[in-house]
Amino acid sequence: MNHGISHKLAVVALIAGIGSPLVAQSSGESRPETDEESTILEEKSSISWTARADVTYFDETDFDDGSGTLKALRTAVGIRADMKLGEGKLSVGFDAAITDYDFEITSGNSFDDVTSMTLSAMYRARLNDKGSWFVGGSINSAYESGAQFDDSFSGAVLGGYLHKMSDTLDLGIGVMVKTRLEDDVLVLPVPQIRYNMGNGWTLESQRAGVRVMYAMNESLSFGLSGEYQSSSFRLDETNAIPEGAATESRIPIAFRVEYKPSTNFRIHGHVGAALGNQLEFFDTAGNTITEPDLDTSIFFGFGGSFTF
């Protein structure tokens, strides 16, 4: 397939425009709740909403076997509701994204746009003054344009424990179990850490990764992040692997800048390199058809969130 990104920008922009107030943090994310988030929830009646939108462009990168190139544009939107429930906090979110892939290849497999939607929930509660636990899960639908929606579902569950070591350090561990279309179940450790290192520096976990941030002042901060990402989606029946599935994985390392003009609103920009890029194609019996690797790719993007 050879299809450009430019002719679909209008569709992506429309979805972002309609859904921009309907955004949430990624379903797999689990981290210690900040004082700022606790304050927002306490100041609101019984529920707070967080809307988020993100756009990321992955620049052209080569397949290792020299068969061609790949670039992509991803736009994501969603919404998350946080509410007190019993002795803890329940977060429920919905995310939607479109990734427009542009293949330029002479051989091998490819696919068109991929749409994904995720419904997620996470519950956190304290055990005592020092310890807390969390548990959650998500249901995801991801499919190539034209593929069967009812055959595109996967899921994930997450659970773990967090311990307050001191006034500046929280440590814990969690485990995420994630199903993938026509692929093996993925089991990932989810480290839990939030460390206030002093002088504006913080270290905290995010999904299956970690980030280090430096706050220059109350409004501006910047830092580095890295994590493992893997997503699978159903292929169309007209694909070279009809009604099969594909899994995309990478390790993005990013430099991130955040600006917070108010407690409730923040915008950010990020630029970095995606390492370990790989695609894996499966037929309907779960057999691996091909597993091409790609070179490191450069990416950049921006986004924002609003809590109300």
C-alpha atoms as a PDB file:
ATOM      1  CA  MET A   1       0.000   0.000   0.000  1.00  0.00           C
ATOM      2  CA  ASN A   2       1.102   3.552  -0.644  1.00  0.00           C
ATOM      3  CA  HIS A   3      -1.095   6.153   0.950  1.00  0.00           C
ATOM      4  CA  GLY A   4      -0.170   9.609   2.188  1.00  0.00           C
ATOM      5  CA  ILE A   5      -0.915  11.292   5.482  1.00  0.00           C
ATOM      6  CA  SER A   6      -1.940  14.646   4.040  1.00  0.00           C
ATOM      7  CA  HIS A   7      -5.345  13.672   2.591  1.00  0.00           C
ATOM      8  CA  LYS A   8      -6.588  12.419   5.974  1.00  0.00           C
ATOM      9  CA  LEU A   9      -5.535  15.380   8.128  1.00  0.00           C
ATOM     10  CA  ALA A  10      -9.013  16.895   7.859  1.00  0.00           C
ATOM     11  CA  VAL A  11     -10.641  13.763   9.309  1.00  0.00           C
ATOM     12  CA  VAL A  12      -8.128  13.618  12.163  1.00  0.00           C
ATOM     13  CA  ALA A  13      -8.566  17.331  12.889  1.00  0.00           C
ATOM     14  CA  LEU A  14     -12.359  16.924  12.949  1.00  0.00           C
ATOM     15  CA  ILE A  15     -12.157  14.091  15.468  1.00  0.00           C
ATOM     16  CA  ALA A  16      -9.731  16.086  17.611  1.00  0.00           C
ATOM     17  CA  GLY A  17     -12.025  19.102  17.462  1.00  0.00           C
ATOM     18  CA  ILE A  18     -15.130  17.158  18.434  1.00  0.00           C
ATOM     19  CA  GLY A  19     -13.399  15.138  21.120  1.00  0.00           C
ATOM     20  CA  SER A  20     -10.955  17.659  22.535  1.00  0.00           C
ATOM     21  CA  PRO A  21     -12.951  18.115  25.739  1.00  0.00           C
ATOM     22  CA  LEU A  22     -13.299  14.343  25.970  1.00  0.00           C
ATOM     23  CA  VAL A  23      -9.843  13.217  26.876  1.00  0.00           C
ATOM     24  CA  ALA A  24      -8.134  11.127  29.559  1.00  0.00           C
ATOM     25  CA  GLN A  25      -4.828   9.790  30.698  1.00  0.00           C
ATOM     26  CA  SER A  26      -3.873   6.485  29.117  1.00  0.00           C
ATOM     27  CA  SER A  27      -5.673   3.582  30.616  1.00  0.00           C
ATOM     28  CA  GLY A  28      -2.565   1.763  31.718  1.00  0.00           C
ATOM     29  CA  GLU A  29      -1.172   4.684  33.671  1.00  0.00           C
ATOM     30  CA  SER A  30      -0.793   4.255  37.400  1.00  0.00           C
ATOM     31  CA  ARG A  31       1.181   6.574  39.612  1.00  0.00           C
ATOM     32  CA  PRO A  32       0.995   8.035  43.123  1.00  0.00           C
ATOM     33  CA  GLU A  33      -1.633  10.731  43.414  1.00  0.00           C
ATOM     34  CA  THR A  34      -0.130  14.207  43.713  1.00  0.00           C
ATOM     35  CA  ASP A  35      -1.120  16.745  46.357  1.00  0.00           C
ATOM     36  CA  GLU A  36      -2.436  18.941  43.544  1.00  0.00           C
ATOM     37  CA  GLU A  37      -4.807  16.236  42.309  1.00  0.00           C
ATOM     38  CA  SER A  38      -6.031  15.499  45.830  1.00  0.00           C
ATOM     39  CA  THR A  39      -6.716  19.197  46.401  1.00  0.00           C
ATOM     40  CA  ILE A  40      -8.677  19.512  43.148  1.00  0.00           C
ATOM     41  CA  LEU A  41     -10.844  16.518  44.055  1.00  0.00           C
ATOM     42  CA  GLU A  42     -11.458  17.797  47.581  1.00  0.00           C
ATOM     43  CA  GLU A  43     -12.349  21.288  46.360  1.00  0.00           C
ATOM     44  CA  LYS A  44     -14.914  19.915  43.911  1.00  0.00           C
ATOM     45  CA  SER A  45     -18.167  18.436  45.183  1.00  0.00           C
ATOM     46  CA  SER A  46     -17.818  14.711  44.567  1.00  0.00           C
ATOM     47  CA  ILE A  47     -16.319  14.350  41.095  1.00  0.00           C
ATOM     48  CA  SER A  48     -13.732  16.034  38.899  1.00  0.00           C
ATOM     49  CA  TRP A  49     -13.199  15.680  35.161  1.00  0.00           C
ATOM     50  CA  THR A  50      -9.952  15.819  33.216  1.00  0.00           C
ATOM     51  CA  ALA A  51      -9.956  16.358  29.465  1.00  0.00           C
ATOM     52  CA  ARG A  52      -6.878  15.784  27.328  1.00  0.00           C
ATOM     53  CA  ALA A  53      -5.786  15.908  23.675  1.00  0.00           C
ATOM     54  CA  ASP A  54      -2.462  14.847  22.149  1.00  0.00           C
ATOM     55  CA  VAL A  55      -0.966  14.797  18.663  1.00  0.00           C
ATOM     56  CA  THR A  56       2.302  12.961  17.867  1.00  0.00           C
ATOM     57  CA  TYR A  57       4.103  12.653  14.544  1.00  0.00           C
ATOM     58  CA  PHE A  58       6.588   9.816  13.967  1.00  0.00           C
ATOM     59  CA  ASP A  59       9.027  10.793  11.246  1.00  0.00           C
ATOM     60  CA  GLU A  60       9.986   8.488   8.409  1.00  0.00           C
ATOM     61  CA  THR A  61      12.113   5.493   9.367  1.00  0.00           C
ATOM     62  CA  ASP A  62      13.546   2.604   7.366  1.00  0.00           C
ATOM     63  CA  PHE A  63      12.794  -1.097   7.612  1.00  0.00           C
ATOM     64  CA  ASP A  64      15.934  -3.003   8.597  1.00  0.00           C
ATOM     65  CA  ASP A  65      15.677  -5.257   5.528  1.00  0.00           C
ATOM     66  CA  GLY A  66      15.665  -2.261   3.183  1.00  0.00           C
ATOM     67  CA  SER A  67      12.145  -2.982   1.891  1.00  0.00           C
ATOM     68  CA  GLY A  68      10.888   0.556   2.463  1.00  0.00           C
ATOM     69  CA  THR A  69       9.936   3.229   4.977  1.00  0.00           C
ATOM     70  CA  LEU A  70       7.162   4.029   7.453  1.00  0.00           C
ATOM     71  CA  LYS A  71       5.897   7.223   9.082  1.00  0.00           C
ATOM     72  CA  ALA A  72       2.800   7.877  11.178  1.00  0.00           C
ATOM     73  CA  LEU A  73       0.581  10.547  12.712  1.00  0.00           C
ATOM     74  CA  ARG A  74      -1.343   9.797  15.918  1.00  0.00           C
ATOM     75  CA  THR A  75      -4.142  11.939  17.369  1.00  0.00           C
ATOM     76  CA  ALA A  76      -5.661  10.975  20.720  1.00  0.00           C
ATOM     77  CA  VAL A  77      -8.545  12.370  22.755  1.00  0.00           C
ATOM     78  CA  GLY A  78     -10.509  11.264  25.815  1.00  0.00           C
ATOM     79  CA  ILE A  79     -11.974  12.057  29.210  1.00  0.00           C
ATOM     80  CA  ARG A  80     -11.421  10.851  32.790  1.00  0.00           C
ATOM     81  CA  ALA A  81     -13.687  11.191  35.836  1.00  0.00           C
ATOM     82  CA  ASP A  82     -12.230  11.020  39.367  1.00  0.00           C
ATOM     83  CA  MET A  83     -14.534  10.477  42.309  1.00  0.00           C
ATOM     84  CA  LYS A  84     -14.389   9.488  45.953  1.00  0.00           C
ATOM     85  CA  LEU A  85     -15.688   5.988  46.588  1.00  0.00           C
ATOM     86  CA  GLY A  86     -15.613   4.534  50.069  1.00  0.00           C
ATOM     87  CA  GLU A  87     -12.147   4.998  51.546  1.00  0.00           C
ATOM     88  CA  GLY A  88     -10.496   5.480  48.149  1.00  0.00           C
ATOM     89  CA  LYS A  89     -10.716   7.108  44.750  1.00  0.00           C
ATOM     90  CA  LEU A  90     -12.224   5.678  41.559  1.00  0.00           C
ATOM     91  CA  SER A  91     -11.057   6.888  38.140  1.00  0.00           C
ATOM     92  CA  VAL A  92     -13.019   6.003  35.012  1.00  0.00           C
ATOM     93  CA  GLY A  93     -11.822   7.043  31.576  1.00  0.00           C
ATOM     94  CA  PHE A  94     -12.516   6.770  27.881  1.00  0.00           C
ATOM     95  CA  ASP A  95      -9.827   7.287  25.224  1.00  0.00           C
ATOM     96  CA  ALA A  96      -9.992   7.330  21.439  1.00  0.00           C
ATOM     97  CA  ALA A  97      -7.192   7.635  18.890  1.00  0.00           C
ATOM     98  CA  ILE A  98      -6.536   7.502  15.170  1.00  0.00           C
ATOM     99  CA  THR A  99      -3.088   6.574  13.860  1.00  0.00           C
ATOM    100  CA  ASP A 100      -2.471   7.269  10.187  1.00  0.00           C
ATOM    101  CA  TYR A 101       0.328   5.028   8.856  1.00  0.00           C
ATOM    102  CA  ASP A 102       2.128   5.869   5.629  1.00  0.00           C
ATOM    103  CA  PHE A 103       4.026   2.912   4.143  1.00  0.00           C
ATOM    104  CA  GLU A 104       6.432   3.231   1.213  1.00  0.00           C
ATOM    105  CA  ILE A 105       7.459  -0.383   0.618  1.00  0.00           C
ATOM    106  CA  THR A 106       8.529  -2.646  -2.237  1.00  0.00           C
ATOM    107  CA  SER A 107       7.655  -5.869  -0.416  1.00  0.00           C
ATOM    108  CA  GLY A 108       6.164  -7.106   2.861  1.00  0.00           C
ATOM    109  CA  ASN A 109       2.925  -6.379   4.709  1.00  0.00           C
ATOM    110  CA  SER A 110       1.283  -3.062   5.523  1.00  0.00           C
ATOM    111  CA  PHE A 111      -2.027  -1.612   6.714  1.00  0.00           C
ATOM    112  CA  ASP A 112      -4.176   1.520   6.606  1.00  0.00           C
ATOM    113  CA  ASP A 113      -5.381   3.835   9.376  1.00  0.00           C
ATOM    114  CA  VAL A 114      -5.912   2.266  12.796  1.00  0.00           C
ATOM    115  CA  THR A 115      -8.645   3.404  15.190  1.00  0.00           C
ATOM    116  CA  SER A 116      -8.502   2.517  18.880  1.00  0.00           C
ATOM    117  CA  MET A 117     -10.919   3.090  21.754  1.00  0.00           C
ATOM    118  CA  THR A 118     -10.335   2.237  25.403  1.00  0.00           C
ATOM    119  CA  LEU A 119     -12.657   2.168  28.405  1.00  0.00           C
ATOM    120  CA  SER A 120     -10.720   1.951  31.676  1.00  0.00           C
ATOM    121  CA  ALA A 121     -11.171   2.083  35.446  1.00  0.00           C
ATOM    122  CA  MET A 122      -8.736   2.344  38.360  1.00  0.00           C
ATOM    123  CA  TYR A 123      -9.424   2.228  42.097  1.00  0.00           C
ATOM    124  CA  ARG A 124      -6.934   3.370  44.755  1.00  0.00           C
ATOM    125  CA  ALA A 125      -7.374   3.112  48.521  1.00  0.00           C
ATOM    126  CA  ARG A 126      -5.232   3.374  51.637  1.00  0.00           C
ATOM    127  CA  LEU A 127      -4.486   0.398  53.853  1.00  0.00           C
ATOM    128  CA  ASN A 128      -3.023   2.549  56.611  1.00  0.00           C
ATOM    129  CA  ASP A 129      -0.916   5.685  57.061  1.00  0.00           C
ATOM    130  CA  LYS A 130       1.951   4.174  55.083  1.00  0.00           C
ATOM    131  CA  GLY A 131       0.449   1.780  52.547  1.00  0.00           C
ATOM    132  CA  SER A 132      -2.104   1.884  49.747  1.00  0.00           C
ATOM    133  CA  TRP A 133      -3.233  -0.472  47.013  1.00  0.00           C
ATOM    134  CA  PHE A 134      -4.621  -0.090  43.541  1.00  0.00           C
ATOM    135  CA  VAL A 135      -6.446  -2.274  41.042  1.00  0.00           C
ATOM    136  CA  GLY A 136      -7.841  -1.573  37.604  1.00  0.00           C
ATOM    137  CA  GLY A 137      -8.566  -2.792  34.135  1.00  0.00           C
ATOM    138  CA  SER A 138      -9.407  -1.767  30.617  1.00  0.00           C
ATOM    139  CA  ILE A 139     -11.227  -2.966  27.500  1.00  0.00           C
ATOM    140  CA  ASN A 140      -9.763  -1.895  24.176  1.00  0.00           C
ATOM    141  CA  SER A 141     -10.980  -2.051  20.600  1.00  0.00           C
ATOM    142  CA  ALA A 142      -8.367  -1.454  17.873  1.00  0.00           C
ATOM    143  CA  TYR A 143      -8.826  -2.113  14.184  1.00  0.00           C
ATOM    144  CA  GLU A 144      -7.597  -1.185  10.727  1.00  0.00           C
ATOM    145  CA  SER A 145     -10.000   0.864   8.629  1.00  0.00           C
ATOM    146  CA  GLY A 146     -12.627  -1.552   7.298  1.00  0.00           C
ATOM    147  CA  ALA A 147     -11.913  -4.360   9.780  1.00  0.00           C
ATOM    148  CA  GLN A 148     -14.575  -6.081  11.892  1.00  0.00           C
ATOM    149  CA  PHE A 149     -15.260  -4.040  15.045  1.00  0.00           C
ATOM    150  CA  ASP A 150     -16.659  -6.994  16.989  1.00  0.00           C
ATOM    151  CA  ASP A 151     -13.438  -8.955  16.426  1.00  0.00           C
ATOM    152  CA  SER A 152     -11.102  -6.192  17.620  1.00  0.00           C
ATOM    153  CA  PHE A 153     -11.287  -6.411  21.418  1.00  0.00           C
ATOM    154  CA  SER A 154      -8.500  -6.990  23.932  1.00  0.00           C
ATOM    155  CA  GLY A 155      -8.160  -6.261  27.637  1.00  0.00           C
ATOM    156  CA  ALA A 156      -5.803  -5.574  30.496  1.00  0.00           C
ATOM    157  CA  VAL A 157      -5.828  -5.842  34.284  1.00  0.00           C
ATOM    158  CA  LEU A 158      -3.496  -4.085  36.691  1.00  0.00           C
ATOM    159  CA  GLY A 159      -2.902  -4.302  40.411  1.00  0.00           C
ATOM    160  CA  GLY A 160      -0.274  -3.441  42.980  1.00  0.00           C
ATOM    161  CA  TYR A 161       0.845  -1.897  46.238  1.00  0.00           C
ATOM    162  CA  LEU A 162       2.380   1.488  47.121  1.00  0.00           C
ATOM    163  CA  HIS A 163       4.256   2.279  50.341  1.00  0.00           C
ATOM    164  CA  LYS A 164       5.081   5.692  51.758  1.00  0.00           C
ATOM    165  CA  MET A 165       8.731   5.385  52.731  1.00  0.00           C
ATOM    166  CA  SER A 166       9.075   9.022  53.814  1.00  0.00           C
ATOM    167  CA  ASP A 167       7.600  12.455  53.219  1.00  0.00           C
ATOM    168  CA  THR A 168       9.499  12.599  49.918  1.00  0.00           C
ATOM    169  CA  LEU A 169       9.454   8.994  48.690  1.00  0.00           C
ATOM    170  CA  ASP A 170       6.686   6.543  47.717  1.00  0.00           C
ATOM    171  CA  LEU A 171       7.675   3.107  46.404  1.00  0.00           C
ATOM    172  CA  GLY A 172       5.629   0.184  45.145  1.00  0.00           C
ATOM    173  CA  ILE A 173       5.179  -2.459  42.502  1.00  0.00           C
ATOM    174  CA  GLY A 174       2.367  -3.537  40.248  1.00  0.00           C
ATOM    175  CA  VAL A 175       1.757  -6.085  37.530  1.00  0.00           C
ATOM    176  CA  MET A 176      -0.103  -5.541  34.266  1.00  0.00           C
ATOM    177  CA  VAL A 177      -1.509  -8.486  32.321  1.00  0.00           C
ATOM    178  CA  LYS A 178      -2.537  -7.549  28.798  1.00  0.00           C
ATOM    179  CA  THR A 179      -4.122  -9.657  26.077  1.00  0.00           C
ATOM    180  CA  ARG A 180      -3.203  -9.074  22.439  1.00  0.00           C
ATOM    181  CA  LEU A 181      -5.027 -10.036  19.276  1.00  0.00           C
ATOM    182  CA  GLU A 182      -3.754 -13.396  17.970  1.00  0.00           C
ATOM    183  CA  ASP A 183      -0.626 -12.956  20.112  1.00  0.00           C
ATOM    184  CA  ASP A 184       0.652 -14.169  23.466  1.00  0.00           C
ATOM    185  CA  VAL A 185      -0.528 -12.527  26.674  1.00  0.00           C
ATOM    186  CA  LEU A 186       1.846  -9.733  27.708  1.00  0.00           C
ATOM    187  CA  VAL A 187       2.866  -9.535  31.383  1.00  0.00           C
ATOM    188  CA  LEU A 188       4.644  -6.345  32.441  1.00  0.00           C
ATOM    189  CA  PRO A 189       5.993  -5.165  35.800  1.00  0.00           C
ATOM    190  CA  VAL A 190       4.673  -1.709  36.620  1.00  0.00           C
ATOM    191  CA  PRO A 191       7.099   0.060  38.974  1.00  0.00           C
ATOM    192  CA  GLN A 192       5.510   2.550  41.327  1.00  0.00           C
ATOM    193  CA  ILE A 193       7.603   5.486  42.453  1.00  0.00           C
ATOM    194  CA  ARG A 194       7.267   9.134  43.255  1.00  0.00           C
ATOM    195  CA  TYR A 195      10.396  10.696  44.647  1.00  0.00           C
ATOM    196  CA  ASN A 196      10.721  14.382  45.470  1.00  0.00           C
ATOM    197  CA  MET A 197      14.472  14.788  45.146  1.00  0.00           C
ATOM    198  CA  GLY A 198      14.433  18.411  46.232  1.00  0.00           C
ATOM    199  CA  ASN A 199      15.302  21.653  44.446  1.00  0.00           C
ATOM    200  CA  GLY A 200      12.442  21.112  41.989  1.00  0.00           C
ATOM    201  CA  TRP A 201      13.416  17.596  40.853  1.00  0.00           C
ATOM    202  CA  THR A 202      10.946  14.676  40.880  1.00  0.00           C
ATOM    203  CA  LEU A 203      11.141  11.082  39.716  1.00  0.00           C
ATOM    204  CA  GLU A 204       7.874   9.232  39.056  1.00  0.00           C
ATOM    205  CA  SER A 205       6.546   6.149  37.321  1.00  0.00           C
ATOM    206  CA  GLN A 206       4.243   6.297  34.314  1.00  0.00           C
ATOM    207  CA  ARG A 207       2.630   3.169  32.899  1.00  0.00           C
ATOM    208  CA  ALA A 208       5.470   0.727  32.036  1.00  0.00           C
ATOM    209  CA  GLY A 209       8.163   3.366  32.399  1.00  0.00           C
ATOM    210  CA  VAL A 210       9.501   6.317  34.334  1.00  0.00           C
ATOM    211  CA  ARG A 211      10.096  10.048  33.976  1.00  0.00           C
ATOM    212  CA  VAL A 212      12.301  12.672  35.632  1.00  0.00           C
ATOM    213  CA  MET A 213      11.030  16.260  35.768  1.00  0.00           C
ATOM    214  CA  TYR A 214      12.499  19.568  36.913  1.00  0.00           C
ATOM    215  CA  ALA A 215      10.177  22.408  37.952  1.00  0.00           C
ATOM    216  CA  MET A 216      11.757  25.782  37.251  1.00  0.00           C
ATOM    217  CA  ASN A 217       8.795  27.427  38.965  1.00  0.00           C
ATOM    218  CA  GLU A 218       5.113  26.710  39.664  1.00  0.00           C
ATOM    219  CA  SER A 219       4.222  27.042  35.976  1.00  0.00           C
ATOM    220  CA  LEU A 220       7.120  25.652  33.933  1.00  0.00           C
ATOM    221  CA  SER A 221       8.807  22.251  34.111  1.00  0.00           C
ATOM    222  CA  PHE A 222      10.764  19.965  31.807  1.00  0.00           C
ATOM    223  CA  GLY A 223      12.334  16.524  31.878  1.00  0.00           C
ATOM    224  CA  LEU A 224      12.925  13.114  30.302  1.00  0.00           C
ATOM    225  CA  SER A 225      10.695  10.041  30.057  1.00  0.00           C
ATOM    226  CA  GLY A 226      10.958   6.494  28.769  1.00  0.00           C
ATOM    227  CA  GLU A 227       8.593   3.522  28.650  1.00  0.00           C
ATOM    228  CA  TYR A 228       7.742   0.319  26.814  1.00  0.00           C
ATOM    229  CA  GLN A 229       4.695   0.518  24.529  1.00  0.00           C
ATOM    230  CA  SER A 230       2.878  -2.297  22.726  1.00  0.00           C
ATOM    231  CA  SER A 231      -0.450  -2.240  20.903  1.00  0.00           C
ATOM    232  CA  SER A 232      -2.273  -4.758  18.717  1.00  0.00           C
ATOM    233  CA  PHE A 233      -5.092  -4.290  16.237  1.00  0.00           C
ATOM    234  CA  ARG A 234      -7.317  -6.272  13.877  1.00  0.00           C
ATOM    235  CA  LEU A 235      -6.575  -6.216  10.138  1.00  0.00           C
ATOM    236  CA  ASP A 236      -9.159  -5.721   7.399  1.00  0.00           C
ATOM    237  CA  GLU A 237     -10.441  -8.691   5.405  1.00  0.00           C
ATOM    238  CA  THR A 238      -8.936  -7.125   2.239  1.00  0.00           C
ATOM    239  CA  ASN A 239      -5.487  -6.979   3.824  1.00  0.00           C
ATOM    240  CA  ALA A 240      -2.729  -9.291   2.527  1.00  0.00           C
ATOM    241  CA  ILE A 241      -3.334 -11.173   5.815  1.00  0.00           C
ATOM    242  CA  PRO A 242      -7.159 -11.120   5.789  1.00  0.00           C
ATOM    243  CA  GLU A 243      -8.726 -10.591   9.235  1.00  0.00           C
ATOM    244  CA  GLY A 244      -5.367 -11.249  10.869  1.00  0.00           C
ATOM    245  CA  ALA A 245      -3.755  -9.002  13.448  1.00  0.00           C
ATOM    246  CA  ALA A 246      -0.672  -6.855  13.897  1.00  0.00           C
ATOM    247  CA  THR A 247       1.275  -5.786  16.979  1.00  0.00           C
ATOM    248  CA  GLU A 248       3.395  -2.643  17.094  1.00  0.00           C
ATOM    249  CA  SER A 249       5.981  -2.150  19.850  1.00  0.00           C
ATOM    250  CA  ARG A 250       8.558   0.513  20.678  1.00  0.00           C
ATOM    251  CA  ILE A 251      10.463   2.208  23.504  1.00  0.00           C
ATOM    252  CA  PRO A 252      10.030   5.988  23.162  1.00  0.00           C
ATOM    253  CA  ILE A 253      12.559   8.211  24.965  1.00  0.00           C
ATOM    254  CA  ALA A 254      11.329  11.803  25.092  1.00  0.00           C
ATOM    255  CA  PHE A 255      12.261  15.282  26.263  1.00  0.00           C
ATOM    256  CA  ARG A 256       9.118  16.950  27.606  1.00  0.00           C
ATOM    257  CA  VAL A 257       8.209  20.551  28.478  1.00  0.00           C
ATOM    258  CA  GLU A 258       5.077  21.364  30.490  1.00  0.00           C
ATOM    259  CA  TYR A 259       3.509  24.780  31.056  1.00  0.00           C
ATOM    260  CA  LYS A 260       0.817  25.212  33.692  1.00  0.00           C
ATOM    261  CA  PRO A 261      -0.782  28.679  33.533  1.00  0.00           C
ATOM    262  CA  SER A 262      -3.265  27.606  36.239  1.00  0.00           C
ATOM    263  CA  THR A 263      -3.869  24.694  38.588  1.00  0.00           C
ATOM    264  CA  ASN A 264      -6.497  23.215  36.279  1.00  0.00           C
ATOM    265  CA  PHE A 265      -4.897  23.715  32.871  1.00  0.00           C
ATOM    266  CA  ARG A 266      -1.617  22.525  31.371  1.00  0.00           C
ATOM    267  CA  ILE A 267      -0.067  22.222  27.929  1.00  0.00           C
ATOM    268  CA  HIS A 268       2.987  20.249  26.899  1.00  0.00           C
ATOM    269  CA  GLY A 269       5.335  19.530  24.025  1.00  0.00           C
ATOM    270  CA  HIS A 270       7.616  16.546  23.524  1.00  0.00           C
ATOM    271  CA  VAL A 271      10.349  15.395  21.162  1.00  0.00           C
ATOM    272  CA  GLY A 272      12.377  12.210  21.214  1.00  0.00           C
ATOM    273  CA  ALA A 273      13.477   8.960  19.635  1.00  0.00           C
ATOM    274  CA  ALA A 274      11.562   5.666  19.477  1.00  0.00           C
ATOM    275  CA  LEU A 275      13.893   2.695  19.960  1.00  0.00           C
ATOM    276  CA  GLY A 276      13.256  -0.984  19.251  1.00  0.00           C
ATOM    277  CA  ASN A 277      10.548  -0.363  16.661  1.00  0.00           C
ATOM    278  CA  GLN A 278       8.971  -3.620  15.548  1.00  0.00           C
ATOM    279  CA  LEU A 279       5.872  -4.857  13.731  1.00  0.00           C
ATOM    280  CA  GLU A 280       4.564  -8.397  14.007  1.00  0.00           C
ATOM    281  CA  PHE A 281       1.853  -9.822  11.739  1.00  0.00           C
ATOM    282  CA  PHE A 282      -0.343 -12.805  12.646  1.00  0.00           C
ATOM    283  CA  ASP A 283      -2.878 -14.838  10.725  1.00  0.00           C
ATOM    284  CA  THR A 284      -6.252 -15.809  12.220  1.00  0.00           C
ATOM    285  CA  ALA A 285      -4.708 -18.965  13.716  1.00  0.00           C
ATOM    286  CA  GLY A 286      -2.187 -16.915  15.684  1.00  0.00           C
ATOM    287  CA  ASN A 287       0.803 -17.894  13.532  1.00  0.00           C
ATOM    288  CA  THR A 288       3.489 -15.253  13.041  1.00  0.00           C
ATOM    289  CA  ILE A 289       3.660 -14.408   9.328  1.00  0.00           C
ATOM    290  CA  THR A 290       6.389 -11.792   9.450  1.00  0.00           C
ATOM    291  CA  GLU A 291       8.175  -9.770  12.125  1.00  0.00           C
ATOM    292  CA  PRO A 292      10.000  -6.803  10.549  1.00  0.00           C
ATOM    293  CA  ASP A 293      12.215  -4.476  12.579  1.00  0.00           C
ATOM    294  CA  LEU A 294      12.577  -0.758  11.894  1.00  0.00           C
ATOM    295  CA  ASP A 295      15.326   1.748  12.586  1.00  0.00           C
ATOM    296  CA  THR A 296      15.084   4.281  15.386  1.00  0.00           C
ATOM    297  CA  SER A 297      12.517   6.965  14.544  1.00  0.00           C
ATOM    298  CA  ILE A 298      12.291  10.596  15.615  1.00  0.00           C
ATOM    299  CA  PHE A 299       8.963  11.863  16.940  1.00  0.00           C
ATOM    300  CA  PHE A 300       7.505  15.107  18.235  1.00  0.00           C
ATOM    301  CA  GLY A 301       4.134  16.330  19.395  1.00  0.00           C
ATOM    302  CA  PHE A 302       2.071  18.508  21.683  1.00  0.00           C
ATOM    303  CA  GLY A 303      -1.038  18.341  23.808  1.00  0.00           C
ATOM    304  CA  GLY A 304      -2.951  19.742  26.722  1.00  0.00           C
ATOM    305  CA  SER A 305      -5.291  18.847  29.570  1.00  0.00           C
ATOM    306  CA  PHE A 306      -7.957  20.655  31.566  1.00  0.00           C
ATOM    307  CA  THR A 307      -9.453  19.636  34.918  1.00  0.00           C
ATOM    308  CA  PHE A 308     -12.884  20.930  35.940  1.00  0.00           C
END
